[in-house]
Structure formats: structure tokens, C-alpha cells
Amino acid sequence: MKFALGMPGLILYPPLMGAWESDATPQQLVDVARRADELGFDALTISEHIVMPNEMAGVMGRRFPDALVAASVLAGATRRIRLLTYVLVLPYRNPVVLAKQTATVDFLSGGRFMLGVGIGHAQREFEALGIPFERRGSRSDEYIEAMRELWTSDDPRYEGEFVSFSGIAFEPKPIQRPHPPVLVGGNSKPAMRRAARYGDGWLPWLVKRDDLPACLDYIRSQPSSRAAMPGFEVVMPISEYKVEDYSHRELGETNVPRSTQHMVDEVARHREAGVTMTQVAPPRTPTREHFIEWMEWFASDVMPAFR
């Protein structure tokens, strides 16, 4: 089992944010990332929205970073930990530019970048960016194909409905071969089919753990599913978010295991269900020091049971 730490302070998501996060300084957040690196966490997860429609700001929070810029800064501040966008909304980005950004981060970080993507659901965010909301799934599929061509081909060529190119050079190539992992997020059947066809992993959201094995069976059953390939990642939070899908309205208190034995048992159940990387974050912490103490507890008391 691998462990990803939800990066604090970059988003202010009400179901989980601690009291200190809204006032945290950039240096304090970098220090958290460095400590996670030292403690042996496998990845930092970085969420993203470009803008937040006012009607959703109360339930999702107003602060979200540019995930690629944040990943670049944190990669430069750390040595071994990986950076995972969790998730980047793929249709918002020009795929040639995104392929370049991803390759550059991966190249300069020594192969530590993971691209988690989704197709998006906030229609007014699409409108603010001037991006069509309709057919965002088909657009995303093409974008993944086009980026893979740019990352892997010495003479990249692609001809599609939404993106076309030929007769171009594309360097630097990513360090990771054949390219940085692309993990597809979502809990719908189309999202699972997209993960099967295009993904190097799946990021389930609001999927109950008891339902996960059936979802993975569905992904593996798809024609030419990539889920049978070695290294296919399934990244799932240990926190049980009690929120309404799409609206993010809270339906109850987020459940986070608190004792060592409870946490070990829950991670073991994740592993049995098919999770390969568990995303963790502490219960709401009052200070950065409490957050770091929780990280140290997790690294010393929980991680060794799964290494």
C-alpha cells in the first residue's frame, strides 16, 4: 500500500479543512510538504479549480490553486515524494500546452509527476473560461490520446475533431516511460470506462468501499482495459465524505479514523477492496503543529504495517 497526503492550505474545503489553513503562509505549506517527504509519504495530492461559481463557494470553498503551478513549486521544494493532481479538469486546458507543462514538471522533478484528470461538472466554470460544456467527455478522450502522442513520439502527429497537429518537434520528453501516469477520476460508468480505456489508474470519488470491487470488475471487463496492466493505480481517500454528489452539500460529519488500530484496520480494508494508494488527511486540526504531529503519528504507527 502506498500513501498520499492531501496537501493542506491550498484548498479550503469545508468538510475537512483545519482552522489554521486559511491563514497559513506559503512557507508553512512548503514546510508541510518537505516534512511529508522526509516521513516517507509516497505522494502529495493537489486539487484544482480555476474559478468557483458563487453559488458553490459556500460548500466547496473559495480557494483552489492552479494544480500544475503548485506541483512545480512543491516538486522544487522536495526530493523524492510524487505530485498528483487530484484532479485537474482536462477540458479546461489546451492539450498541447498541458502536455508541455506535464513533461516539463516531470523532467525537472526527475520523474515524480502524476496527472489526475476529470471531465468537470461545474458548468458556470466552463462558461467563465469560454470552454464548451457539451461533449466534454469526448474532448477529454482526444486530449489524452494527443498528449500521449506528444510524450512518446519523435514525430508527433494527431488528427482529431478537437485537436490536430503534425510536422512539429516536442521536447523535453518526460522522464517517466512511456509517460507520466494519467489517472482518471469519477464515479460514473462513463468515467470508469474512460479509466479502463485511457487511464493508468482510477480516482474514485464518493464510491463506497463495499462497492469498489464491483466497480473494479466493471473497469477490468471493458474491451482492451488497461486495468490489467502492471502498475494500474487505484487511489481512494480514507476519509468518508458525507457530501452530496455534484453539489458538495454536507450531509453529515466527515469520518476520519482516529486511533491507530482503527486506521490500520481501515487501510487493510482498502487494500482488500483493491485500493493501491490510500489518500489520507487528519481530522480538522487547530494548528499546523497539530497537522505535522498527525503526519508523524501516521508515519510511525500506521505506515509500517503496510511496508
Protein backbone atom coordinates (compact mmCIF):
# COMPACT_ATOMS: atom_id res chain seq x y z
CA MET A 1 0.00 0.00 0.00
CA LYS A 2 1.17 3.50 -0.87
CA PHE A 3 0.05 6.65 0.93
CA ALA A 4 -0.81 10.07 -0.50
CA LEU A 5 -1.20 13.08 1.75
CA GLY A 6 -3.88 15.60 0.87
CA MET A 7 -1.94 18.85 0.67
CA PRO A 8 -3.41 21.32 3.22
CA GLY A 9 -3.95 25.04 2.81
CA LEU A 10 -4.09 25.10 -0.98
CA ILE A 11 -7.82 24.45 -0.93
CA LEU A 12 -10.25 25.39 1.82
CA TYR A 13 -12.74 22.52 1.52
CA PRO A 14 -15.18 22.89 4.46
CA PRO A 15 -15.71 19.16 5.22
CA LEU A 16 -12.03 18.70 6.16
CA MET A 17 -10.11 21.99 6.47
CA GLY A 18 -8.42 22.87 9.75
CA ALA A 19 -8.77 26.23 11.49
CA TRP A 20 -5.15 27.21 10.69
CA GLU A 21 -5.24 26.60 6.95
CA SER A 22 -6.85 29.84 5.77
CA ASP A 23 -4.05 31.87 7.37
CA ALA A 24 -1.15 29.54 6.58
CA THR A 25 1.81 31.20 4.91
CA PRO A 26 3.35 29.79 1.72
CA GLN A 27 6.47 28.83 3.66
CA GLN A 28 4.43 26.92 6.22
CA LEU A 29 2.77 24.91 3.44
CA VAL A 30 6.12 24.18 1.80
CA ASP A 31 7.41 23.04 5.19
CA VAL A 32 4.50 20.58 5.46
CA ALA A 33 5.36 19.19 2.02
CA ARG A 34 9.02 18.79 2.99
CA ARG A 35 8.09 17.02 6.22
CA ALA A 36 5.80 14.63 4.31
CA ASP A 37 8.74 13.93 2.00
CA GLU A 38 11.02 13.20 4.96
CA LEU A 39 8.44 10.96 6.64
CA GLY A 40 8.08 8.68 3.63
CA PHE A 41 4.67 9.59 2.22
CA ASP A 42 4.50 8.47 -1.40
CA ALA A 43 2.62 11.41 -2.92
CA LEU A 44 1.05 14.79 -2.30
CA THR A 45 -2.38 15.37 -3.83
CA ILE A 46 -3.27 18.80 -5.21
CA SER A 47 -6.84 19.73 -6.11
CA GLU A 48 -7.76 22.39 -8.63
CA HIS A 49 -10.46 24.72 -9.84
CA ILE A 50 -9.80 27.81 -11.93
CA VAL A 51 -12.78 29.77 -10.62
CA MET A 52 -15.54 28.83 -8.22
CA PRO A 53 -19.10 29.87 -9.04
CA ASN A 54 -20.50 31.93 -6.17
CA GLU A 55 -23.40 29.52 -5.65
CA MET A 56 -20.90 26.72 -4.94
CA ALA A 57 -18.32 28.69 -2.95
CA GLY A 58 -20.09 28.12 0.36
CA VAL A 59 -19.95 24.33 0.10
CA MET A 60 -16.63 23.91 -1.74
CA GLY A 61 -14.65 26.91 -0.52
CA ARG A 62 -13.31 29.85 -2.49
CA ARG A 63 -9.62 28.91 -2.61
CA PHE A 64 -8.19 26.49 -5.17
CA PRO A 65 -4.72 26.67 -6.76
CA ASP A 66 -3.51 26.11 -10.28
CA ALA A 67 -2.51 22.49 -9.75
CA LEU A 68 0.41 22.49 -12.19
CA VAL A 69 1.98 25.62 -10.72
CA ALA A 70 1.53 24.23 -7.20
CA ALA A 71 3.03 20.88 -8.23
CA SER A 72 6.02 22.66 -9.77
CA VAL A 73 6.73 24.65 -6.61
CA LEU A 74 6.35 21.61 -4.36
CA ALA A 75 8.46 19.45 -6.64
CA GLY A 76 11.24 22.01 -6.37
CA ALA A 77 10.95 22.04 -2.58
CA THR A 78 11.07 18.24 -2.13
CA ARG A 79 13.37 15.39 -3.13
CA ARG A 80 11.52 12.09 -3.57
CA ILE A 81 7.76 12.47 -3.00
CA ARG A 82 5.46 12.37 -6.03
CA LEU A 83 2.93 15.06 -7.00
CA LEU A 84 -0.59 14.05 -8.07
CA THR A 85 -3.22 16.44 -9.43
CA TYR A 86 -6.41 15.25 -7.78
CA VAL A 87 -7.98 16.30 -10.11
CA LEU A 88 -7.20 18.67 -12.95
CA VAL A 89 -10.22 19.35 -15.20
CA LEU A 90 -8.90 18.25 -18.56
CA PRO A 91 -11.18 20.17 -20.97
CA TYR A 92 -10.04 23.49 -19.45
CA ARG A 93 -6.55 23.12 -20.92
CA ASN A 94 -5.16 23.15 -24.45
CA PRO A 95 -3.79 19.59 -24.67
CA VAL A 96 -0.57 20.59 -26.44
CA VAL A 97 0.17 23.16 -23.73
CA LEU A 98 -0.83 20.72 -20.98
CA ALA A 99 1.41 18.03 -22.47
CA LYS A 100 4.29 20.52 -22.44
CA GLN A 101 3.62 21.57 -18.85
CA THR A 102 3.33 17.98 -17.68
CA ALA A 103 6.51 16.91 -19.49
CA THR A 104 8.40 19.87 -18.07
CA VAL A 105 7.33 19.21 -14.47
CA ASP A 106 8.15 15.53 -14.87
CA PHE A 107 11.53 16.29 -16.47
CA LEU A 108 12.65 18.79 -13.85
CA SER A 109 11.32 16.73 -10.91
CA GLY A 110 13.16 13.63 -12.04
CA GLY A 111 10.00 11.72 -12.95
CA ARG A 112 7.77 12.47 -9.95
CA PHE A 113 4.59 13.80 -11.57
CA MET A 114 1.22 12.04 -11.86
CA LEU A 115 -1.60 13.61 -13.87
CA GLY A 116 -5.01 13.02 -12.30
CA VAL A 117 -7.78 14.26 -14.58
CA GLY A 118 -11.55 14.64 -14.68
CA ILE A 119 -14.01 15.99 -17.21
CA GLY A 120 -15.51 18.59 -14.83
CA HIS A 121 -19.04 19.26 -13.61
CA ALA A 122 -19.28 22.99 -12.75
CA GLN A 123 -20.97 24.36 -15.86
CA ARG A 124 -20.51 28.02 -14.89
CA GLU A 125 -16.77 27.42 -14.53
CA PHE A 126 -16.73 26.22 -18.13
CA GLU A 127 -18.68 29.34 -19.14
CA ALA A 128 -16.22 31.65 -17.37
CA LEU A 129 -13.37 30.05 -19.31
CA GLY A 130 -15.20 30.09 -22.63
CA ILE A 131 -14.99 26.29 -22.90
CA PRO A 132 -17.95 24.25 -24.26
CA PHE A 133 -19.60 22.18 -21.54
CA GLU A 134 -21.23 19.82 -24.01
CA ARG A 135 -19.18 16.83 -25.23
CA ARG A 136 -16.53 17.45 -22.62
CA GLY A 137 -16.09 13.69 -22.30
CA SER A 138 -15.27 13.20 -25.98
CA ARG A 139 -12.97 16.20 -25.86
CA SER A 140 -11.15 14.73 -22.85
CA ASP A 141 -10.65 11.38 -24.59
CA GLU A 142 -9.00 13.08 -27.56
CA TYR A 143 -6.83 15.21 -25.31
CA ILE A 144 -5.42 12.13 -23.57
CA GLU A 145 -4.66 10.48 -26.91
CA ALA A 146 -3.00 13.63 -28.25
CA MET A 147 -0.88 14.11 -25.13
CA ARG A 148 0.34 10.52 -25.24
CA GLU A 149 1.39 11.05 -28.84
CA LEU A 150 3.35 14.16 -27.89
CA TRP A 151 5.02 12.48 -24.93
CA THR A 152 6.08 9.33 -26.75
CA SER A 153 6.63 10.07 -30.45
CA ASP A 154 9.73 11.58 -32.06
CA ASP A 155 7.49 12.80 -34.89
CA PRO A 156 4.17 13.51 -33.17
CA ARG A 157 1.06 13.52 -35.36
CA TYR A 158 -2.58 13.59 -34.40
CA GLU A 159 -5.74 14.28 -36.35
CA GLY A 160 -8.94 14.58 -34.35
CA GLU A 161 -12.14 16.57 -34.07
CA PHE A 162 -10.86 18.83 -31.28
CA VAL A 163 -7.07 18.81 -31.74
CA SER A 164 -4.75 18.26 -34.72
CA PHE A 165 -1.02 18.64 -35.25
CA SER A 166 1.84 17.33 -37.38
CA GLY A 167 5.30 18.39 -38.50
CA ILE A 168 6.33 19.55 -35.03
CA ALA A 169 9.08 18.80 -32.53
CA PHE A 170 8.16 18.30 -28.89
CA GLU A 171 10.88 18.37 -26.21
CA PRO A 172 11.67 17.74 -23.42
CA LYS A 173 10.11 14.33 -23.20
CA PRO A 174 9.02 13.21 -19.74
CA ILE A 175 11.46 11.25 -17.60
CA GLN A 176 8.89 8.54 -16.88
CA ARG A 177 8.43 5.96 -19.59
CA PRO A 178 6.37 5.76 -21.59
CA HIS A 179 4.96 8.91 -19.95
CA PRO A 180 3.70 10.22 -16.59
CA PRO A 181 0.74 8.19 -15.31
CA VAL A 182 -2.67 9.51 -16.28
CA LEU A 183 -5.26 8.71 -13.60
CA VAL A 184 -8.91 9.23 -14.47
CA GLY A 185 -11.28 10.49 -11.77
CA GLY A 186 -15.00 10.00 -11.35
CA ASN A 187 -17.68 7.63 -10.10
CA SER A 188 -19.95 7.31 -13.15
CA LYS A 189 -19.96 4.43 -15.62
CA PRO A 190 -18.53 6.69 -18.38
CA ALA A 191 -15.70 7.73 -16.02
CA MET A 192 -14.93 4.08 -15.28
CA ARG A 193 -14.94 3.24 -18.99
CA ARG A 194 -12.59 6.19 -19.59
CA ALA A 195 -10.25 4.90 -16.88
CA ALA A 196 -10.33 1.45 -18.49
CA ARG A 197 -9.60 2.71 -21.99
CA TYR A 198 -7.24 5.61 -21.36
CA GLY A 199 -6.10 5.53 -17.74
CA ASP A 200 -3.05 4.31 -15.90
CA GLY A 201 -5.24 4.39 -12.82
CA TRP A 202 -8.61 5.38 -11.40
CA LEU A 203 -9.52 8.02 -8.81
CA PRO A 204 -12.92 7.01 -7.39
CA TRP A 205 -14.91 9.80 -5.76
CA LEU A 206 -17.76 9.16 -3.32
CA VAL A 207 -17.59 5.44 -4.10
CA LYS A 208 -18.35 3.31 -1.06
CA ARG A 209 -15.61 0.85 -0.26
CA ASP A 210 -18.05 -2.07 -0.33
CA ASP A 211 -18.92 -1.10 -3.91
CA LEU A 212 -15.30 -0.78 -5.04
CA PRO A 213 -14.66 -4.44 -6.03
CA ALA A 214 -17.69 -4.44 -8.34
CA CYS A 215 -16.55 -1.14 -9.88
CA LEU A 216 -13.08 -2.57 -10.49
CA ASP A 217 -14.59 -5.69 -12.03
CA TYR A 218 -16.55 -3.40 -14.37
CA ILE A 219 -13.38 -1.49 -15.31
CA ARG A 220 -11.46 -4.71 -15.95
CA SER A 221 -14.31 -6.11 -18.05
CA GLN A 222 -14.12 -3.33 -20.62
CA PRO A 223 -12.62 -4.12 -24.04
CA SER A 224 -8.83 -3.61 -24.04
CA SER A 225 -8.98 -2.45 -20.43
CA ARG A 226 -5.71 -1.00 -19.16
CA ALA A 227 -6.63 -2.05 -15.62
CA ALA A 228 -4.98 -5.42 -16.19
CA MET A 229 -1.63 -3.74 -16.87
CA PRO A 230 1.02 -3.76 -14.13
CA GLY A 231 1.04 -0.57 -12.07
CA PHE A 232 -2.62 0.40 -12.56
CA GLU A 233 -3.27 2.64 -9.55
CA VAL A 234 -6.49 2.94 -7.56
CA VAL A 235 -6.29 5.99 -5.28
CA MET A 236 -9.07 6.40 -2.73
CA PRO A 237 -9.47 8.61 0.36
CA ILE A 238 -9.55 7.01 3.80
CA SER A 239 -11.90 9.82 4.88
CA GLU A 240 -15.58 9.04 4.42
CA TYR A 241 -17.00 12.24 2.97
CA LYS A 242 -20.71 12.63 3.65
CA VAL A 243 -21.47 15.09 0.90
CA GLU A 244 -23.97 15.19 -1.92
CA ASP A 245 -22.50 14.40 -5.33
CA TYR A 246 -22.08 17.39 -7.66
CA SER A 247 -23.49 19.94 -5.18
CA HIS A 248 -20.96 19.03 -2.41
CA ARG A 249 -23.60 19.90 0.18
CA GLU A 250 -22.64 18.33 3.51
CA LEU A 251 -25.00 15.58 4.66
CA GLY A 252 -23.10 14.75 7.84
CA GLU A 253 -19.70 14.94 9.50
CA THR A 254 -16.72 13.59 7.58
CA ASN A 255 -15.49 10.41 9.22
CA VAL A 256 -11.71 10.03 9.70
CA PRO A 257 -10.27 7.06 11.68
CA ARG A 258 -8.63 8.39 14.83
CA SER A 259 -7.00 5.53 16.72
CA THR A 260 -4.02 3.57 15.42
CA GLN A 261 -5.88 0.25 15.32
CA HIS A 262 -8.93 1.79 13.63
CA MET A 263 -6.73 3.41 11.00
CA VAL A 264 -4.75 0.20 10.38
CA ASP A 265 -7.98 -1.78 10.05
CA GLU A 266 -9.47 0.72 7.62
CA VAL A 267 -6.36 0.81 5.43
CA ALA A 268 -6.32 -3.01 5.42
CA ARG A 269 -9.93 -2.99 4.20
CA HIS A 270 -8.94 -0.53 1.48
CA ARG A 271 -6.21 -2.91 0.36
CA GLU A 272 -8.57 -5.88 0.35
CA ALA A 273 -11.06 -3.91 -1.76
CA GLY A 274 -8.43 -3.17 -4.42
CA VAL A 275 -7.00 0.22 -3.41
CA THR A 276 -3.29 0.61 -4.21
CA MET A 277 -2.76 4.11 -2.79
CA THR A 278 -4.73 5.50 0.14
CA GLN A 279 -5.16 9.25 0.33
CA VAL A 280 -5.03 10.46 3.93
CA ALA A 281 -5.56 13.69 5.84
CA PRO A 282 -6.07 14.28 9.55
CA PRO A 283 -9.33 15.25 11.20
CA ARG A 284 -9.71 19.02 11.40
CA THR A 285 -6.54 20.31 13.08
CA PRO A 286 -6.39 23.59 15.03
CA THR A 287 -2.75 24.40 14.15
CA ARG A 288 -0.04 23.49 11.68
CA GLU A 289 1.86 21.87 14.53
CA HIS A 290 -1.08 19.54 15.18
CA PHE A 291 -1.19 18.69 11.47
CA ILE A 292 2.52 17.79 11.46
CA GLU A 293 2.13 15.77 14.67
CA TRP A 294 -0.63 13.77 12.97
CA MET A 295 1.64 13.15 9.96
CA GLU A 296 4.41 11.93 12.26
CA TRP A 297 1.99 9.64 14.11
CA PHE A 298 0.71 8.18 10.83
CA ALA A 299 4.24 7.61 9.51
CA SER A 300 5.47 5.94 12.71
CA ASP A 301 2.39 3.97 13.80
CA VAL A 302 0.40 3.17 10.64
CA MET A 303 2.71 3.05 7.62
CA PRO A 304 4.99 0.28 8.96
CA ALA A 305 2.06 -2.15 8.98
CA PHE A 306 1.89 -1.89 5.19
CA ARG A 307 5.52 -1.55 4.12
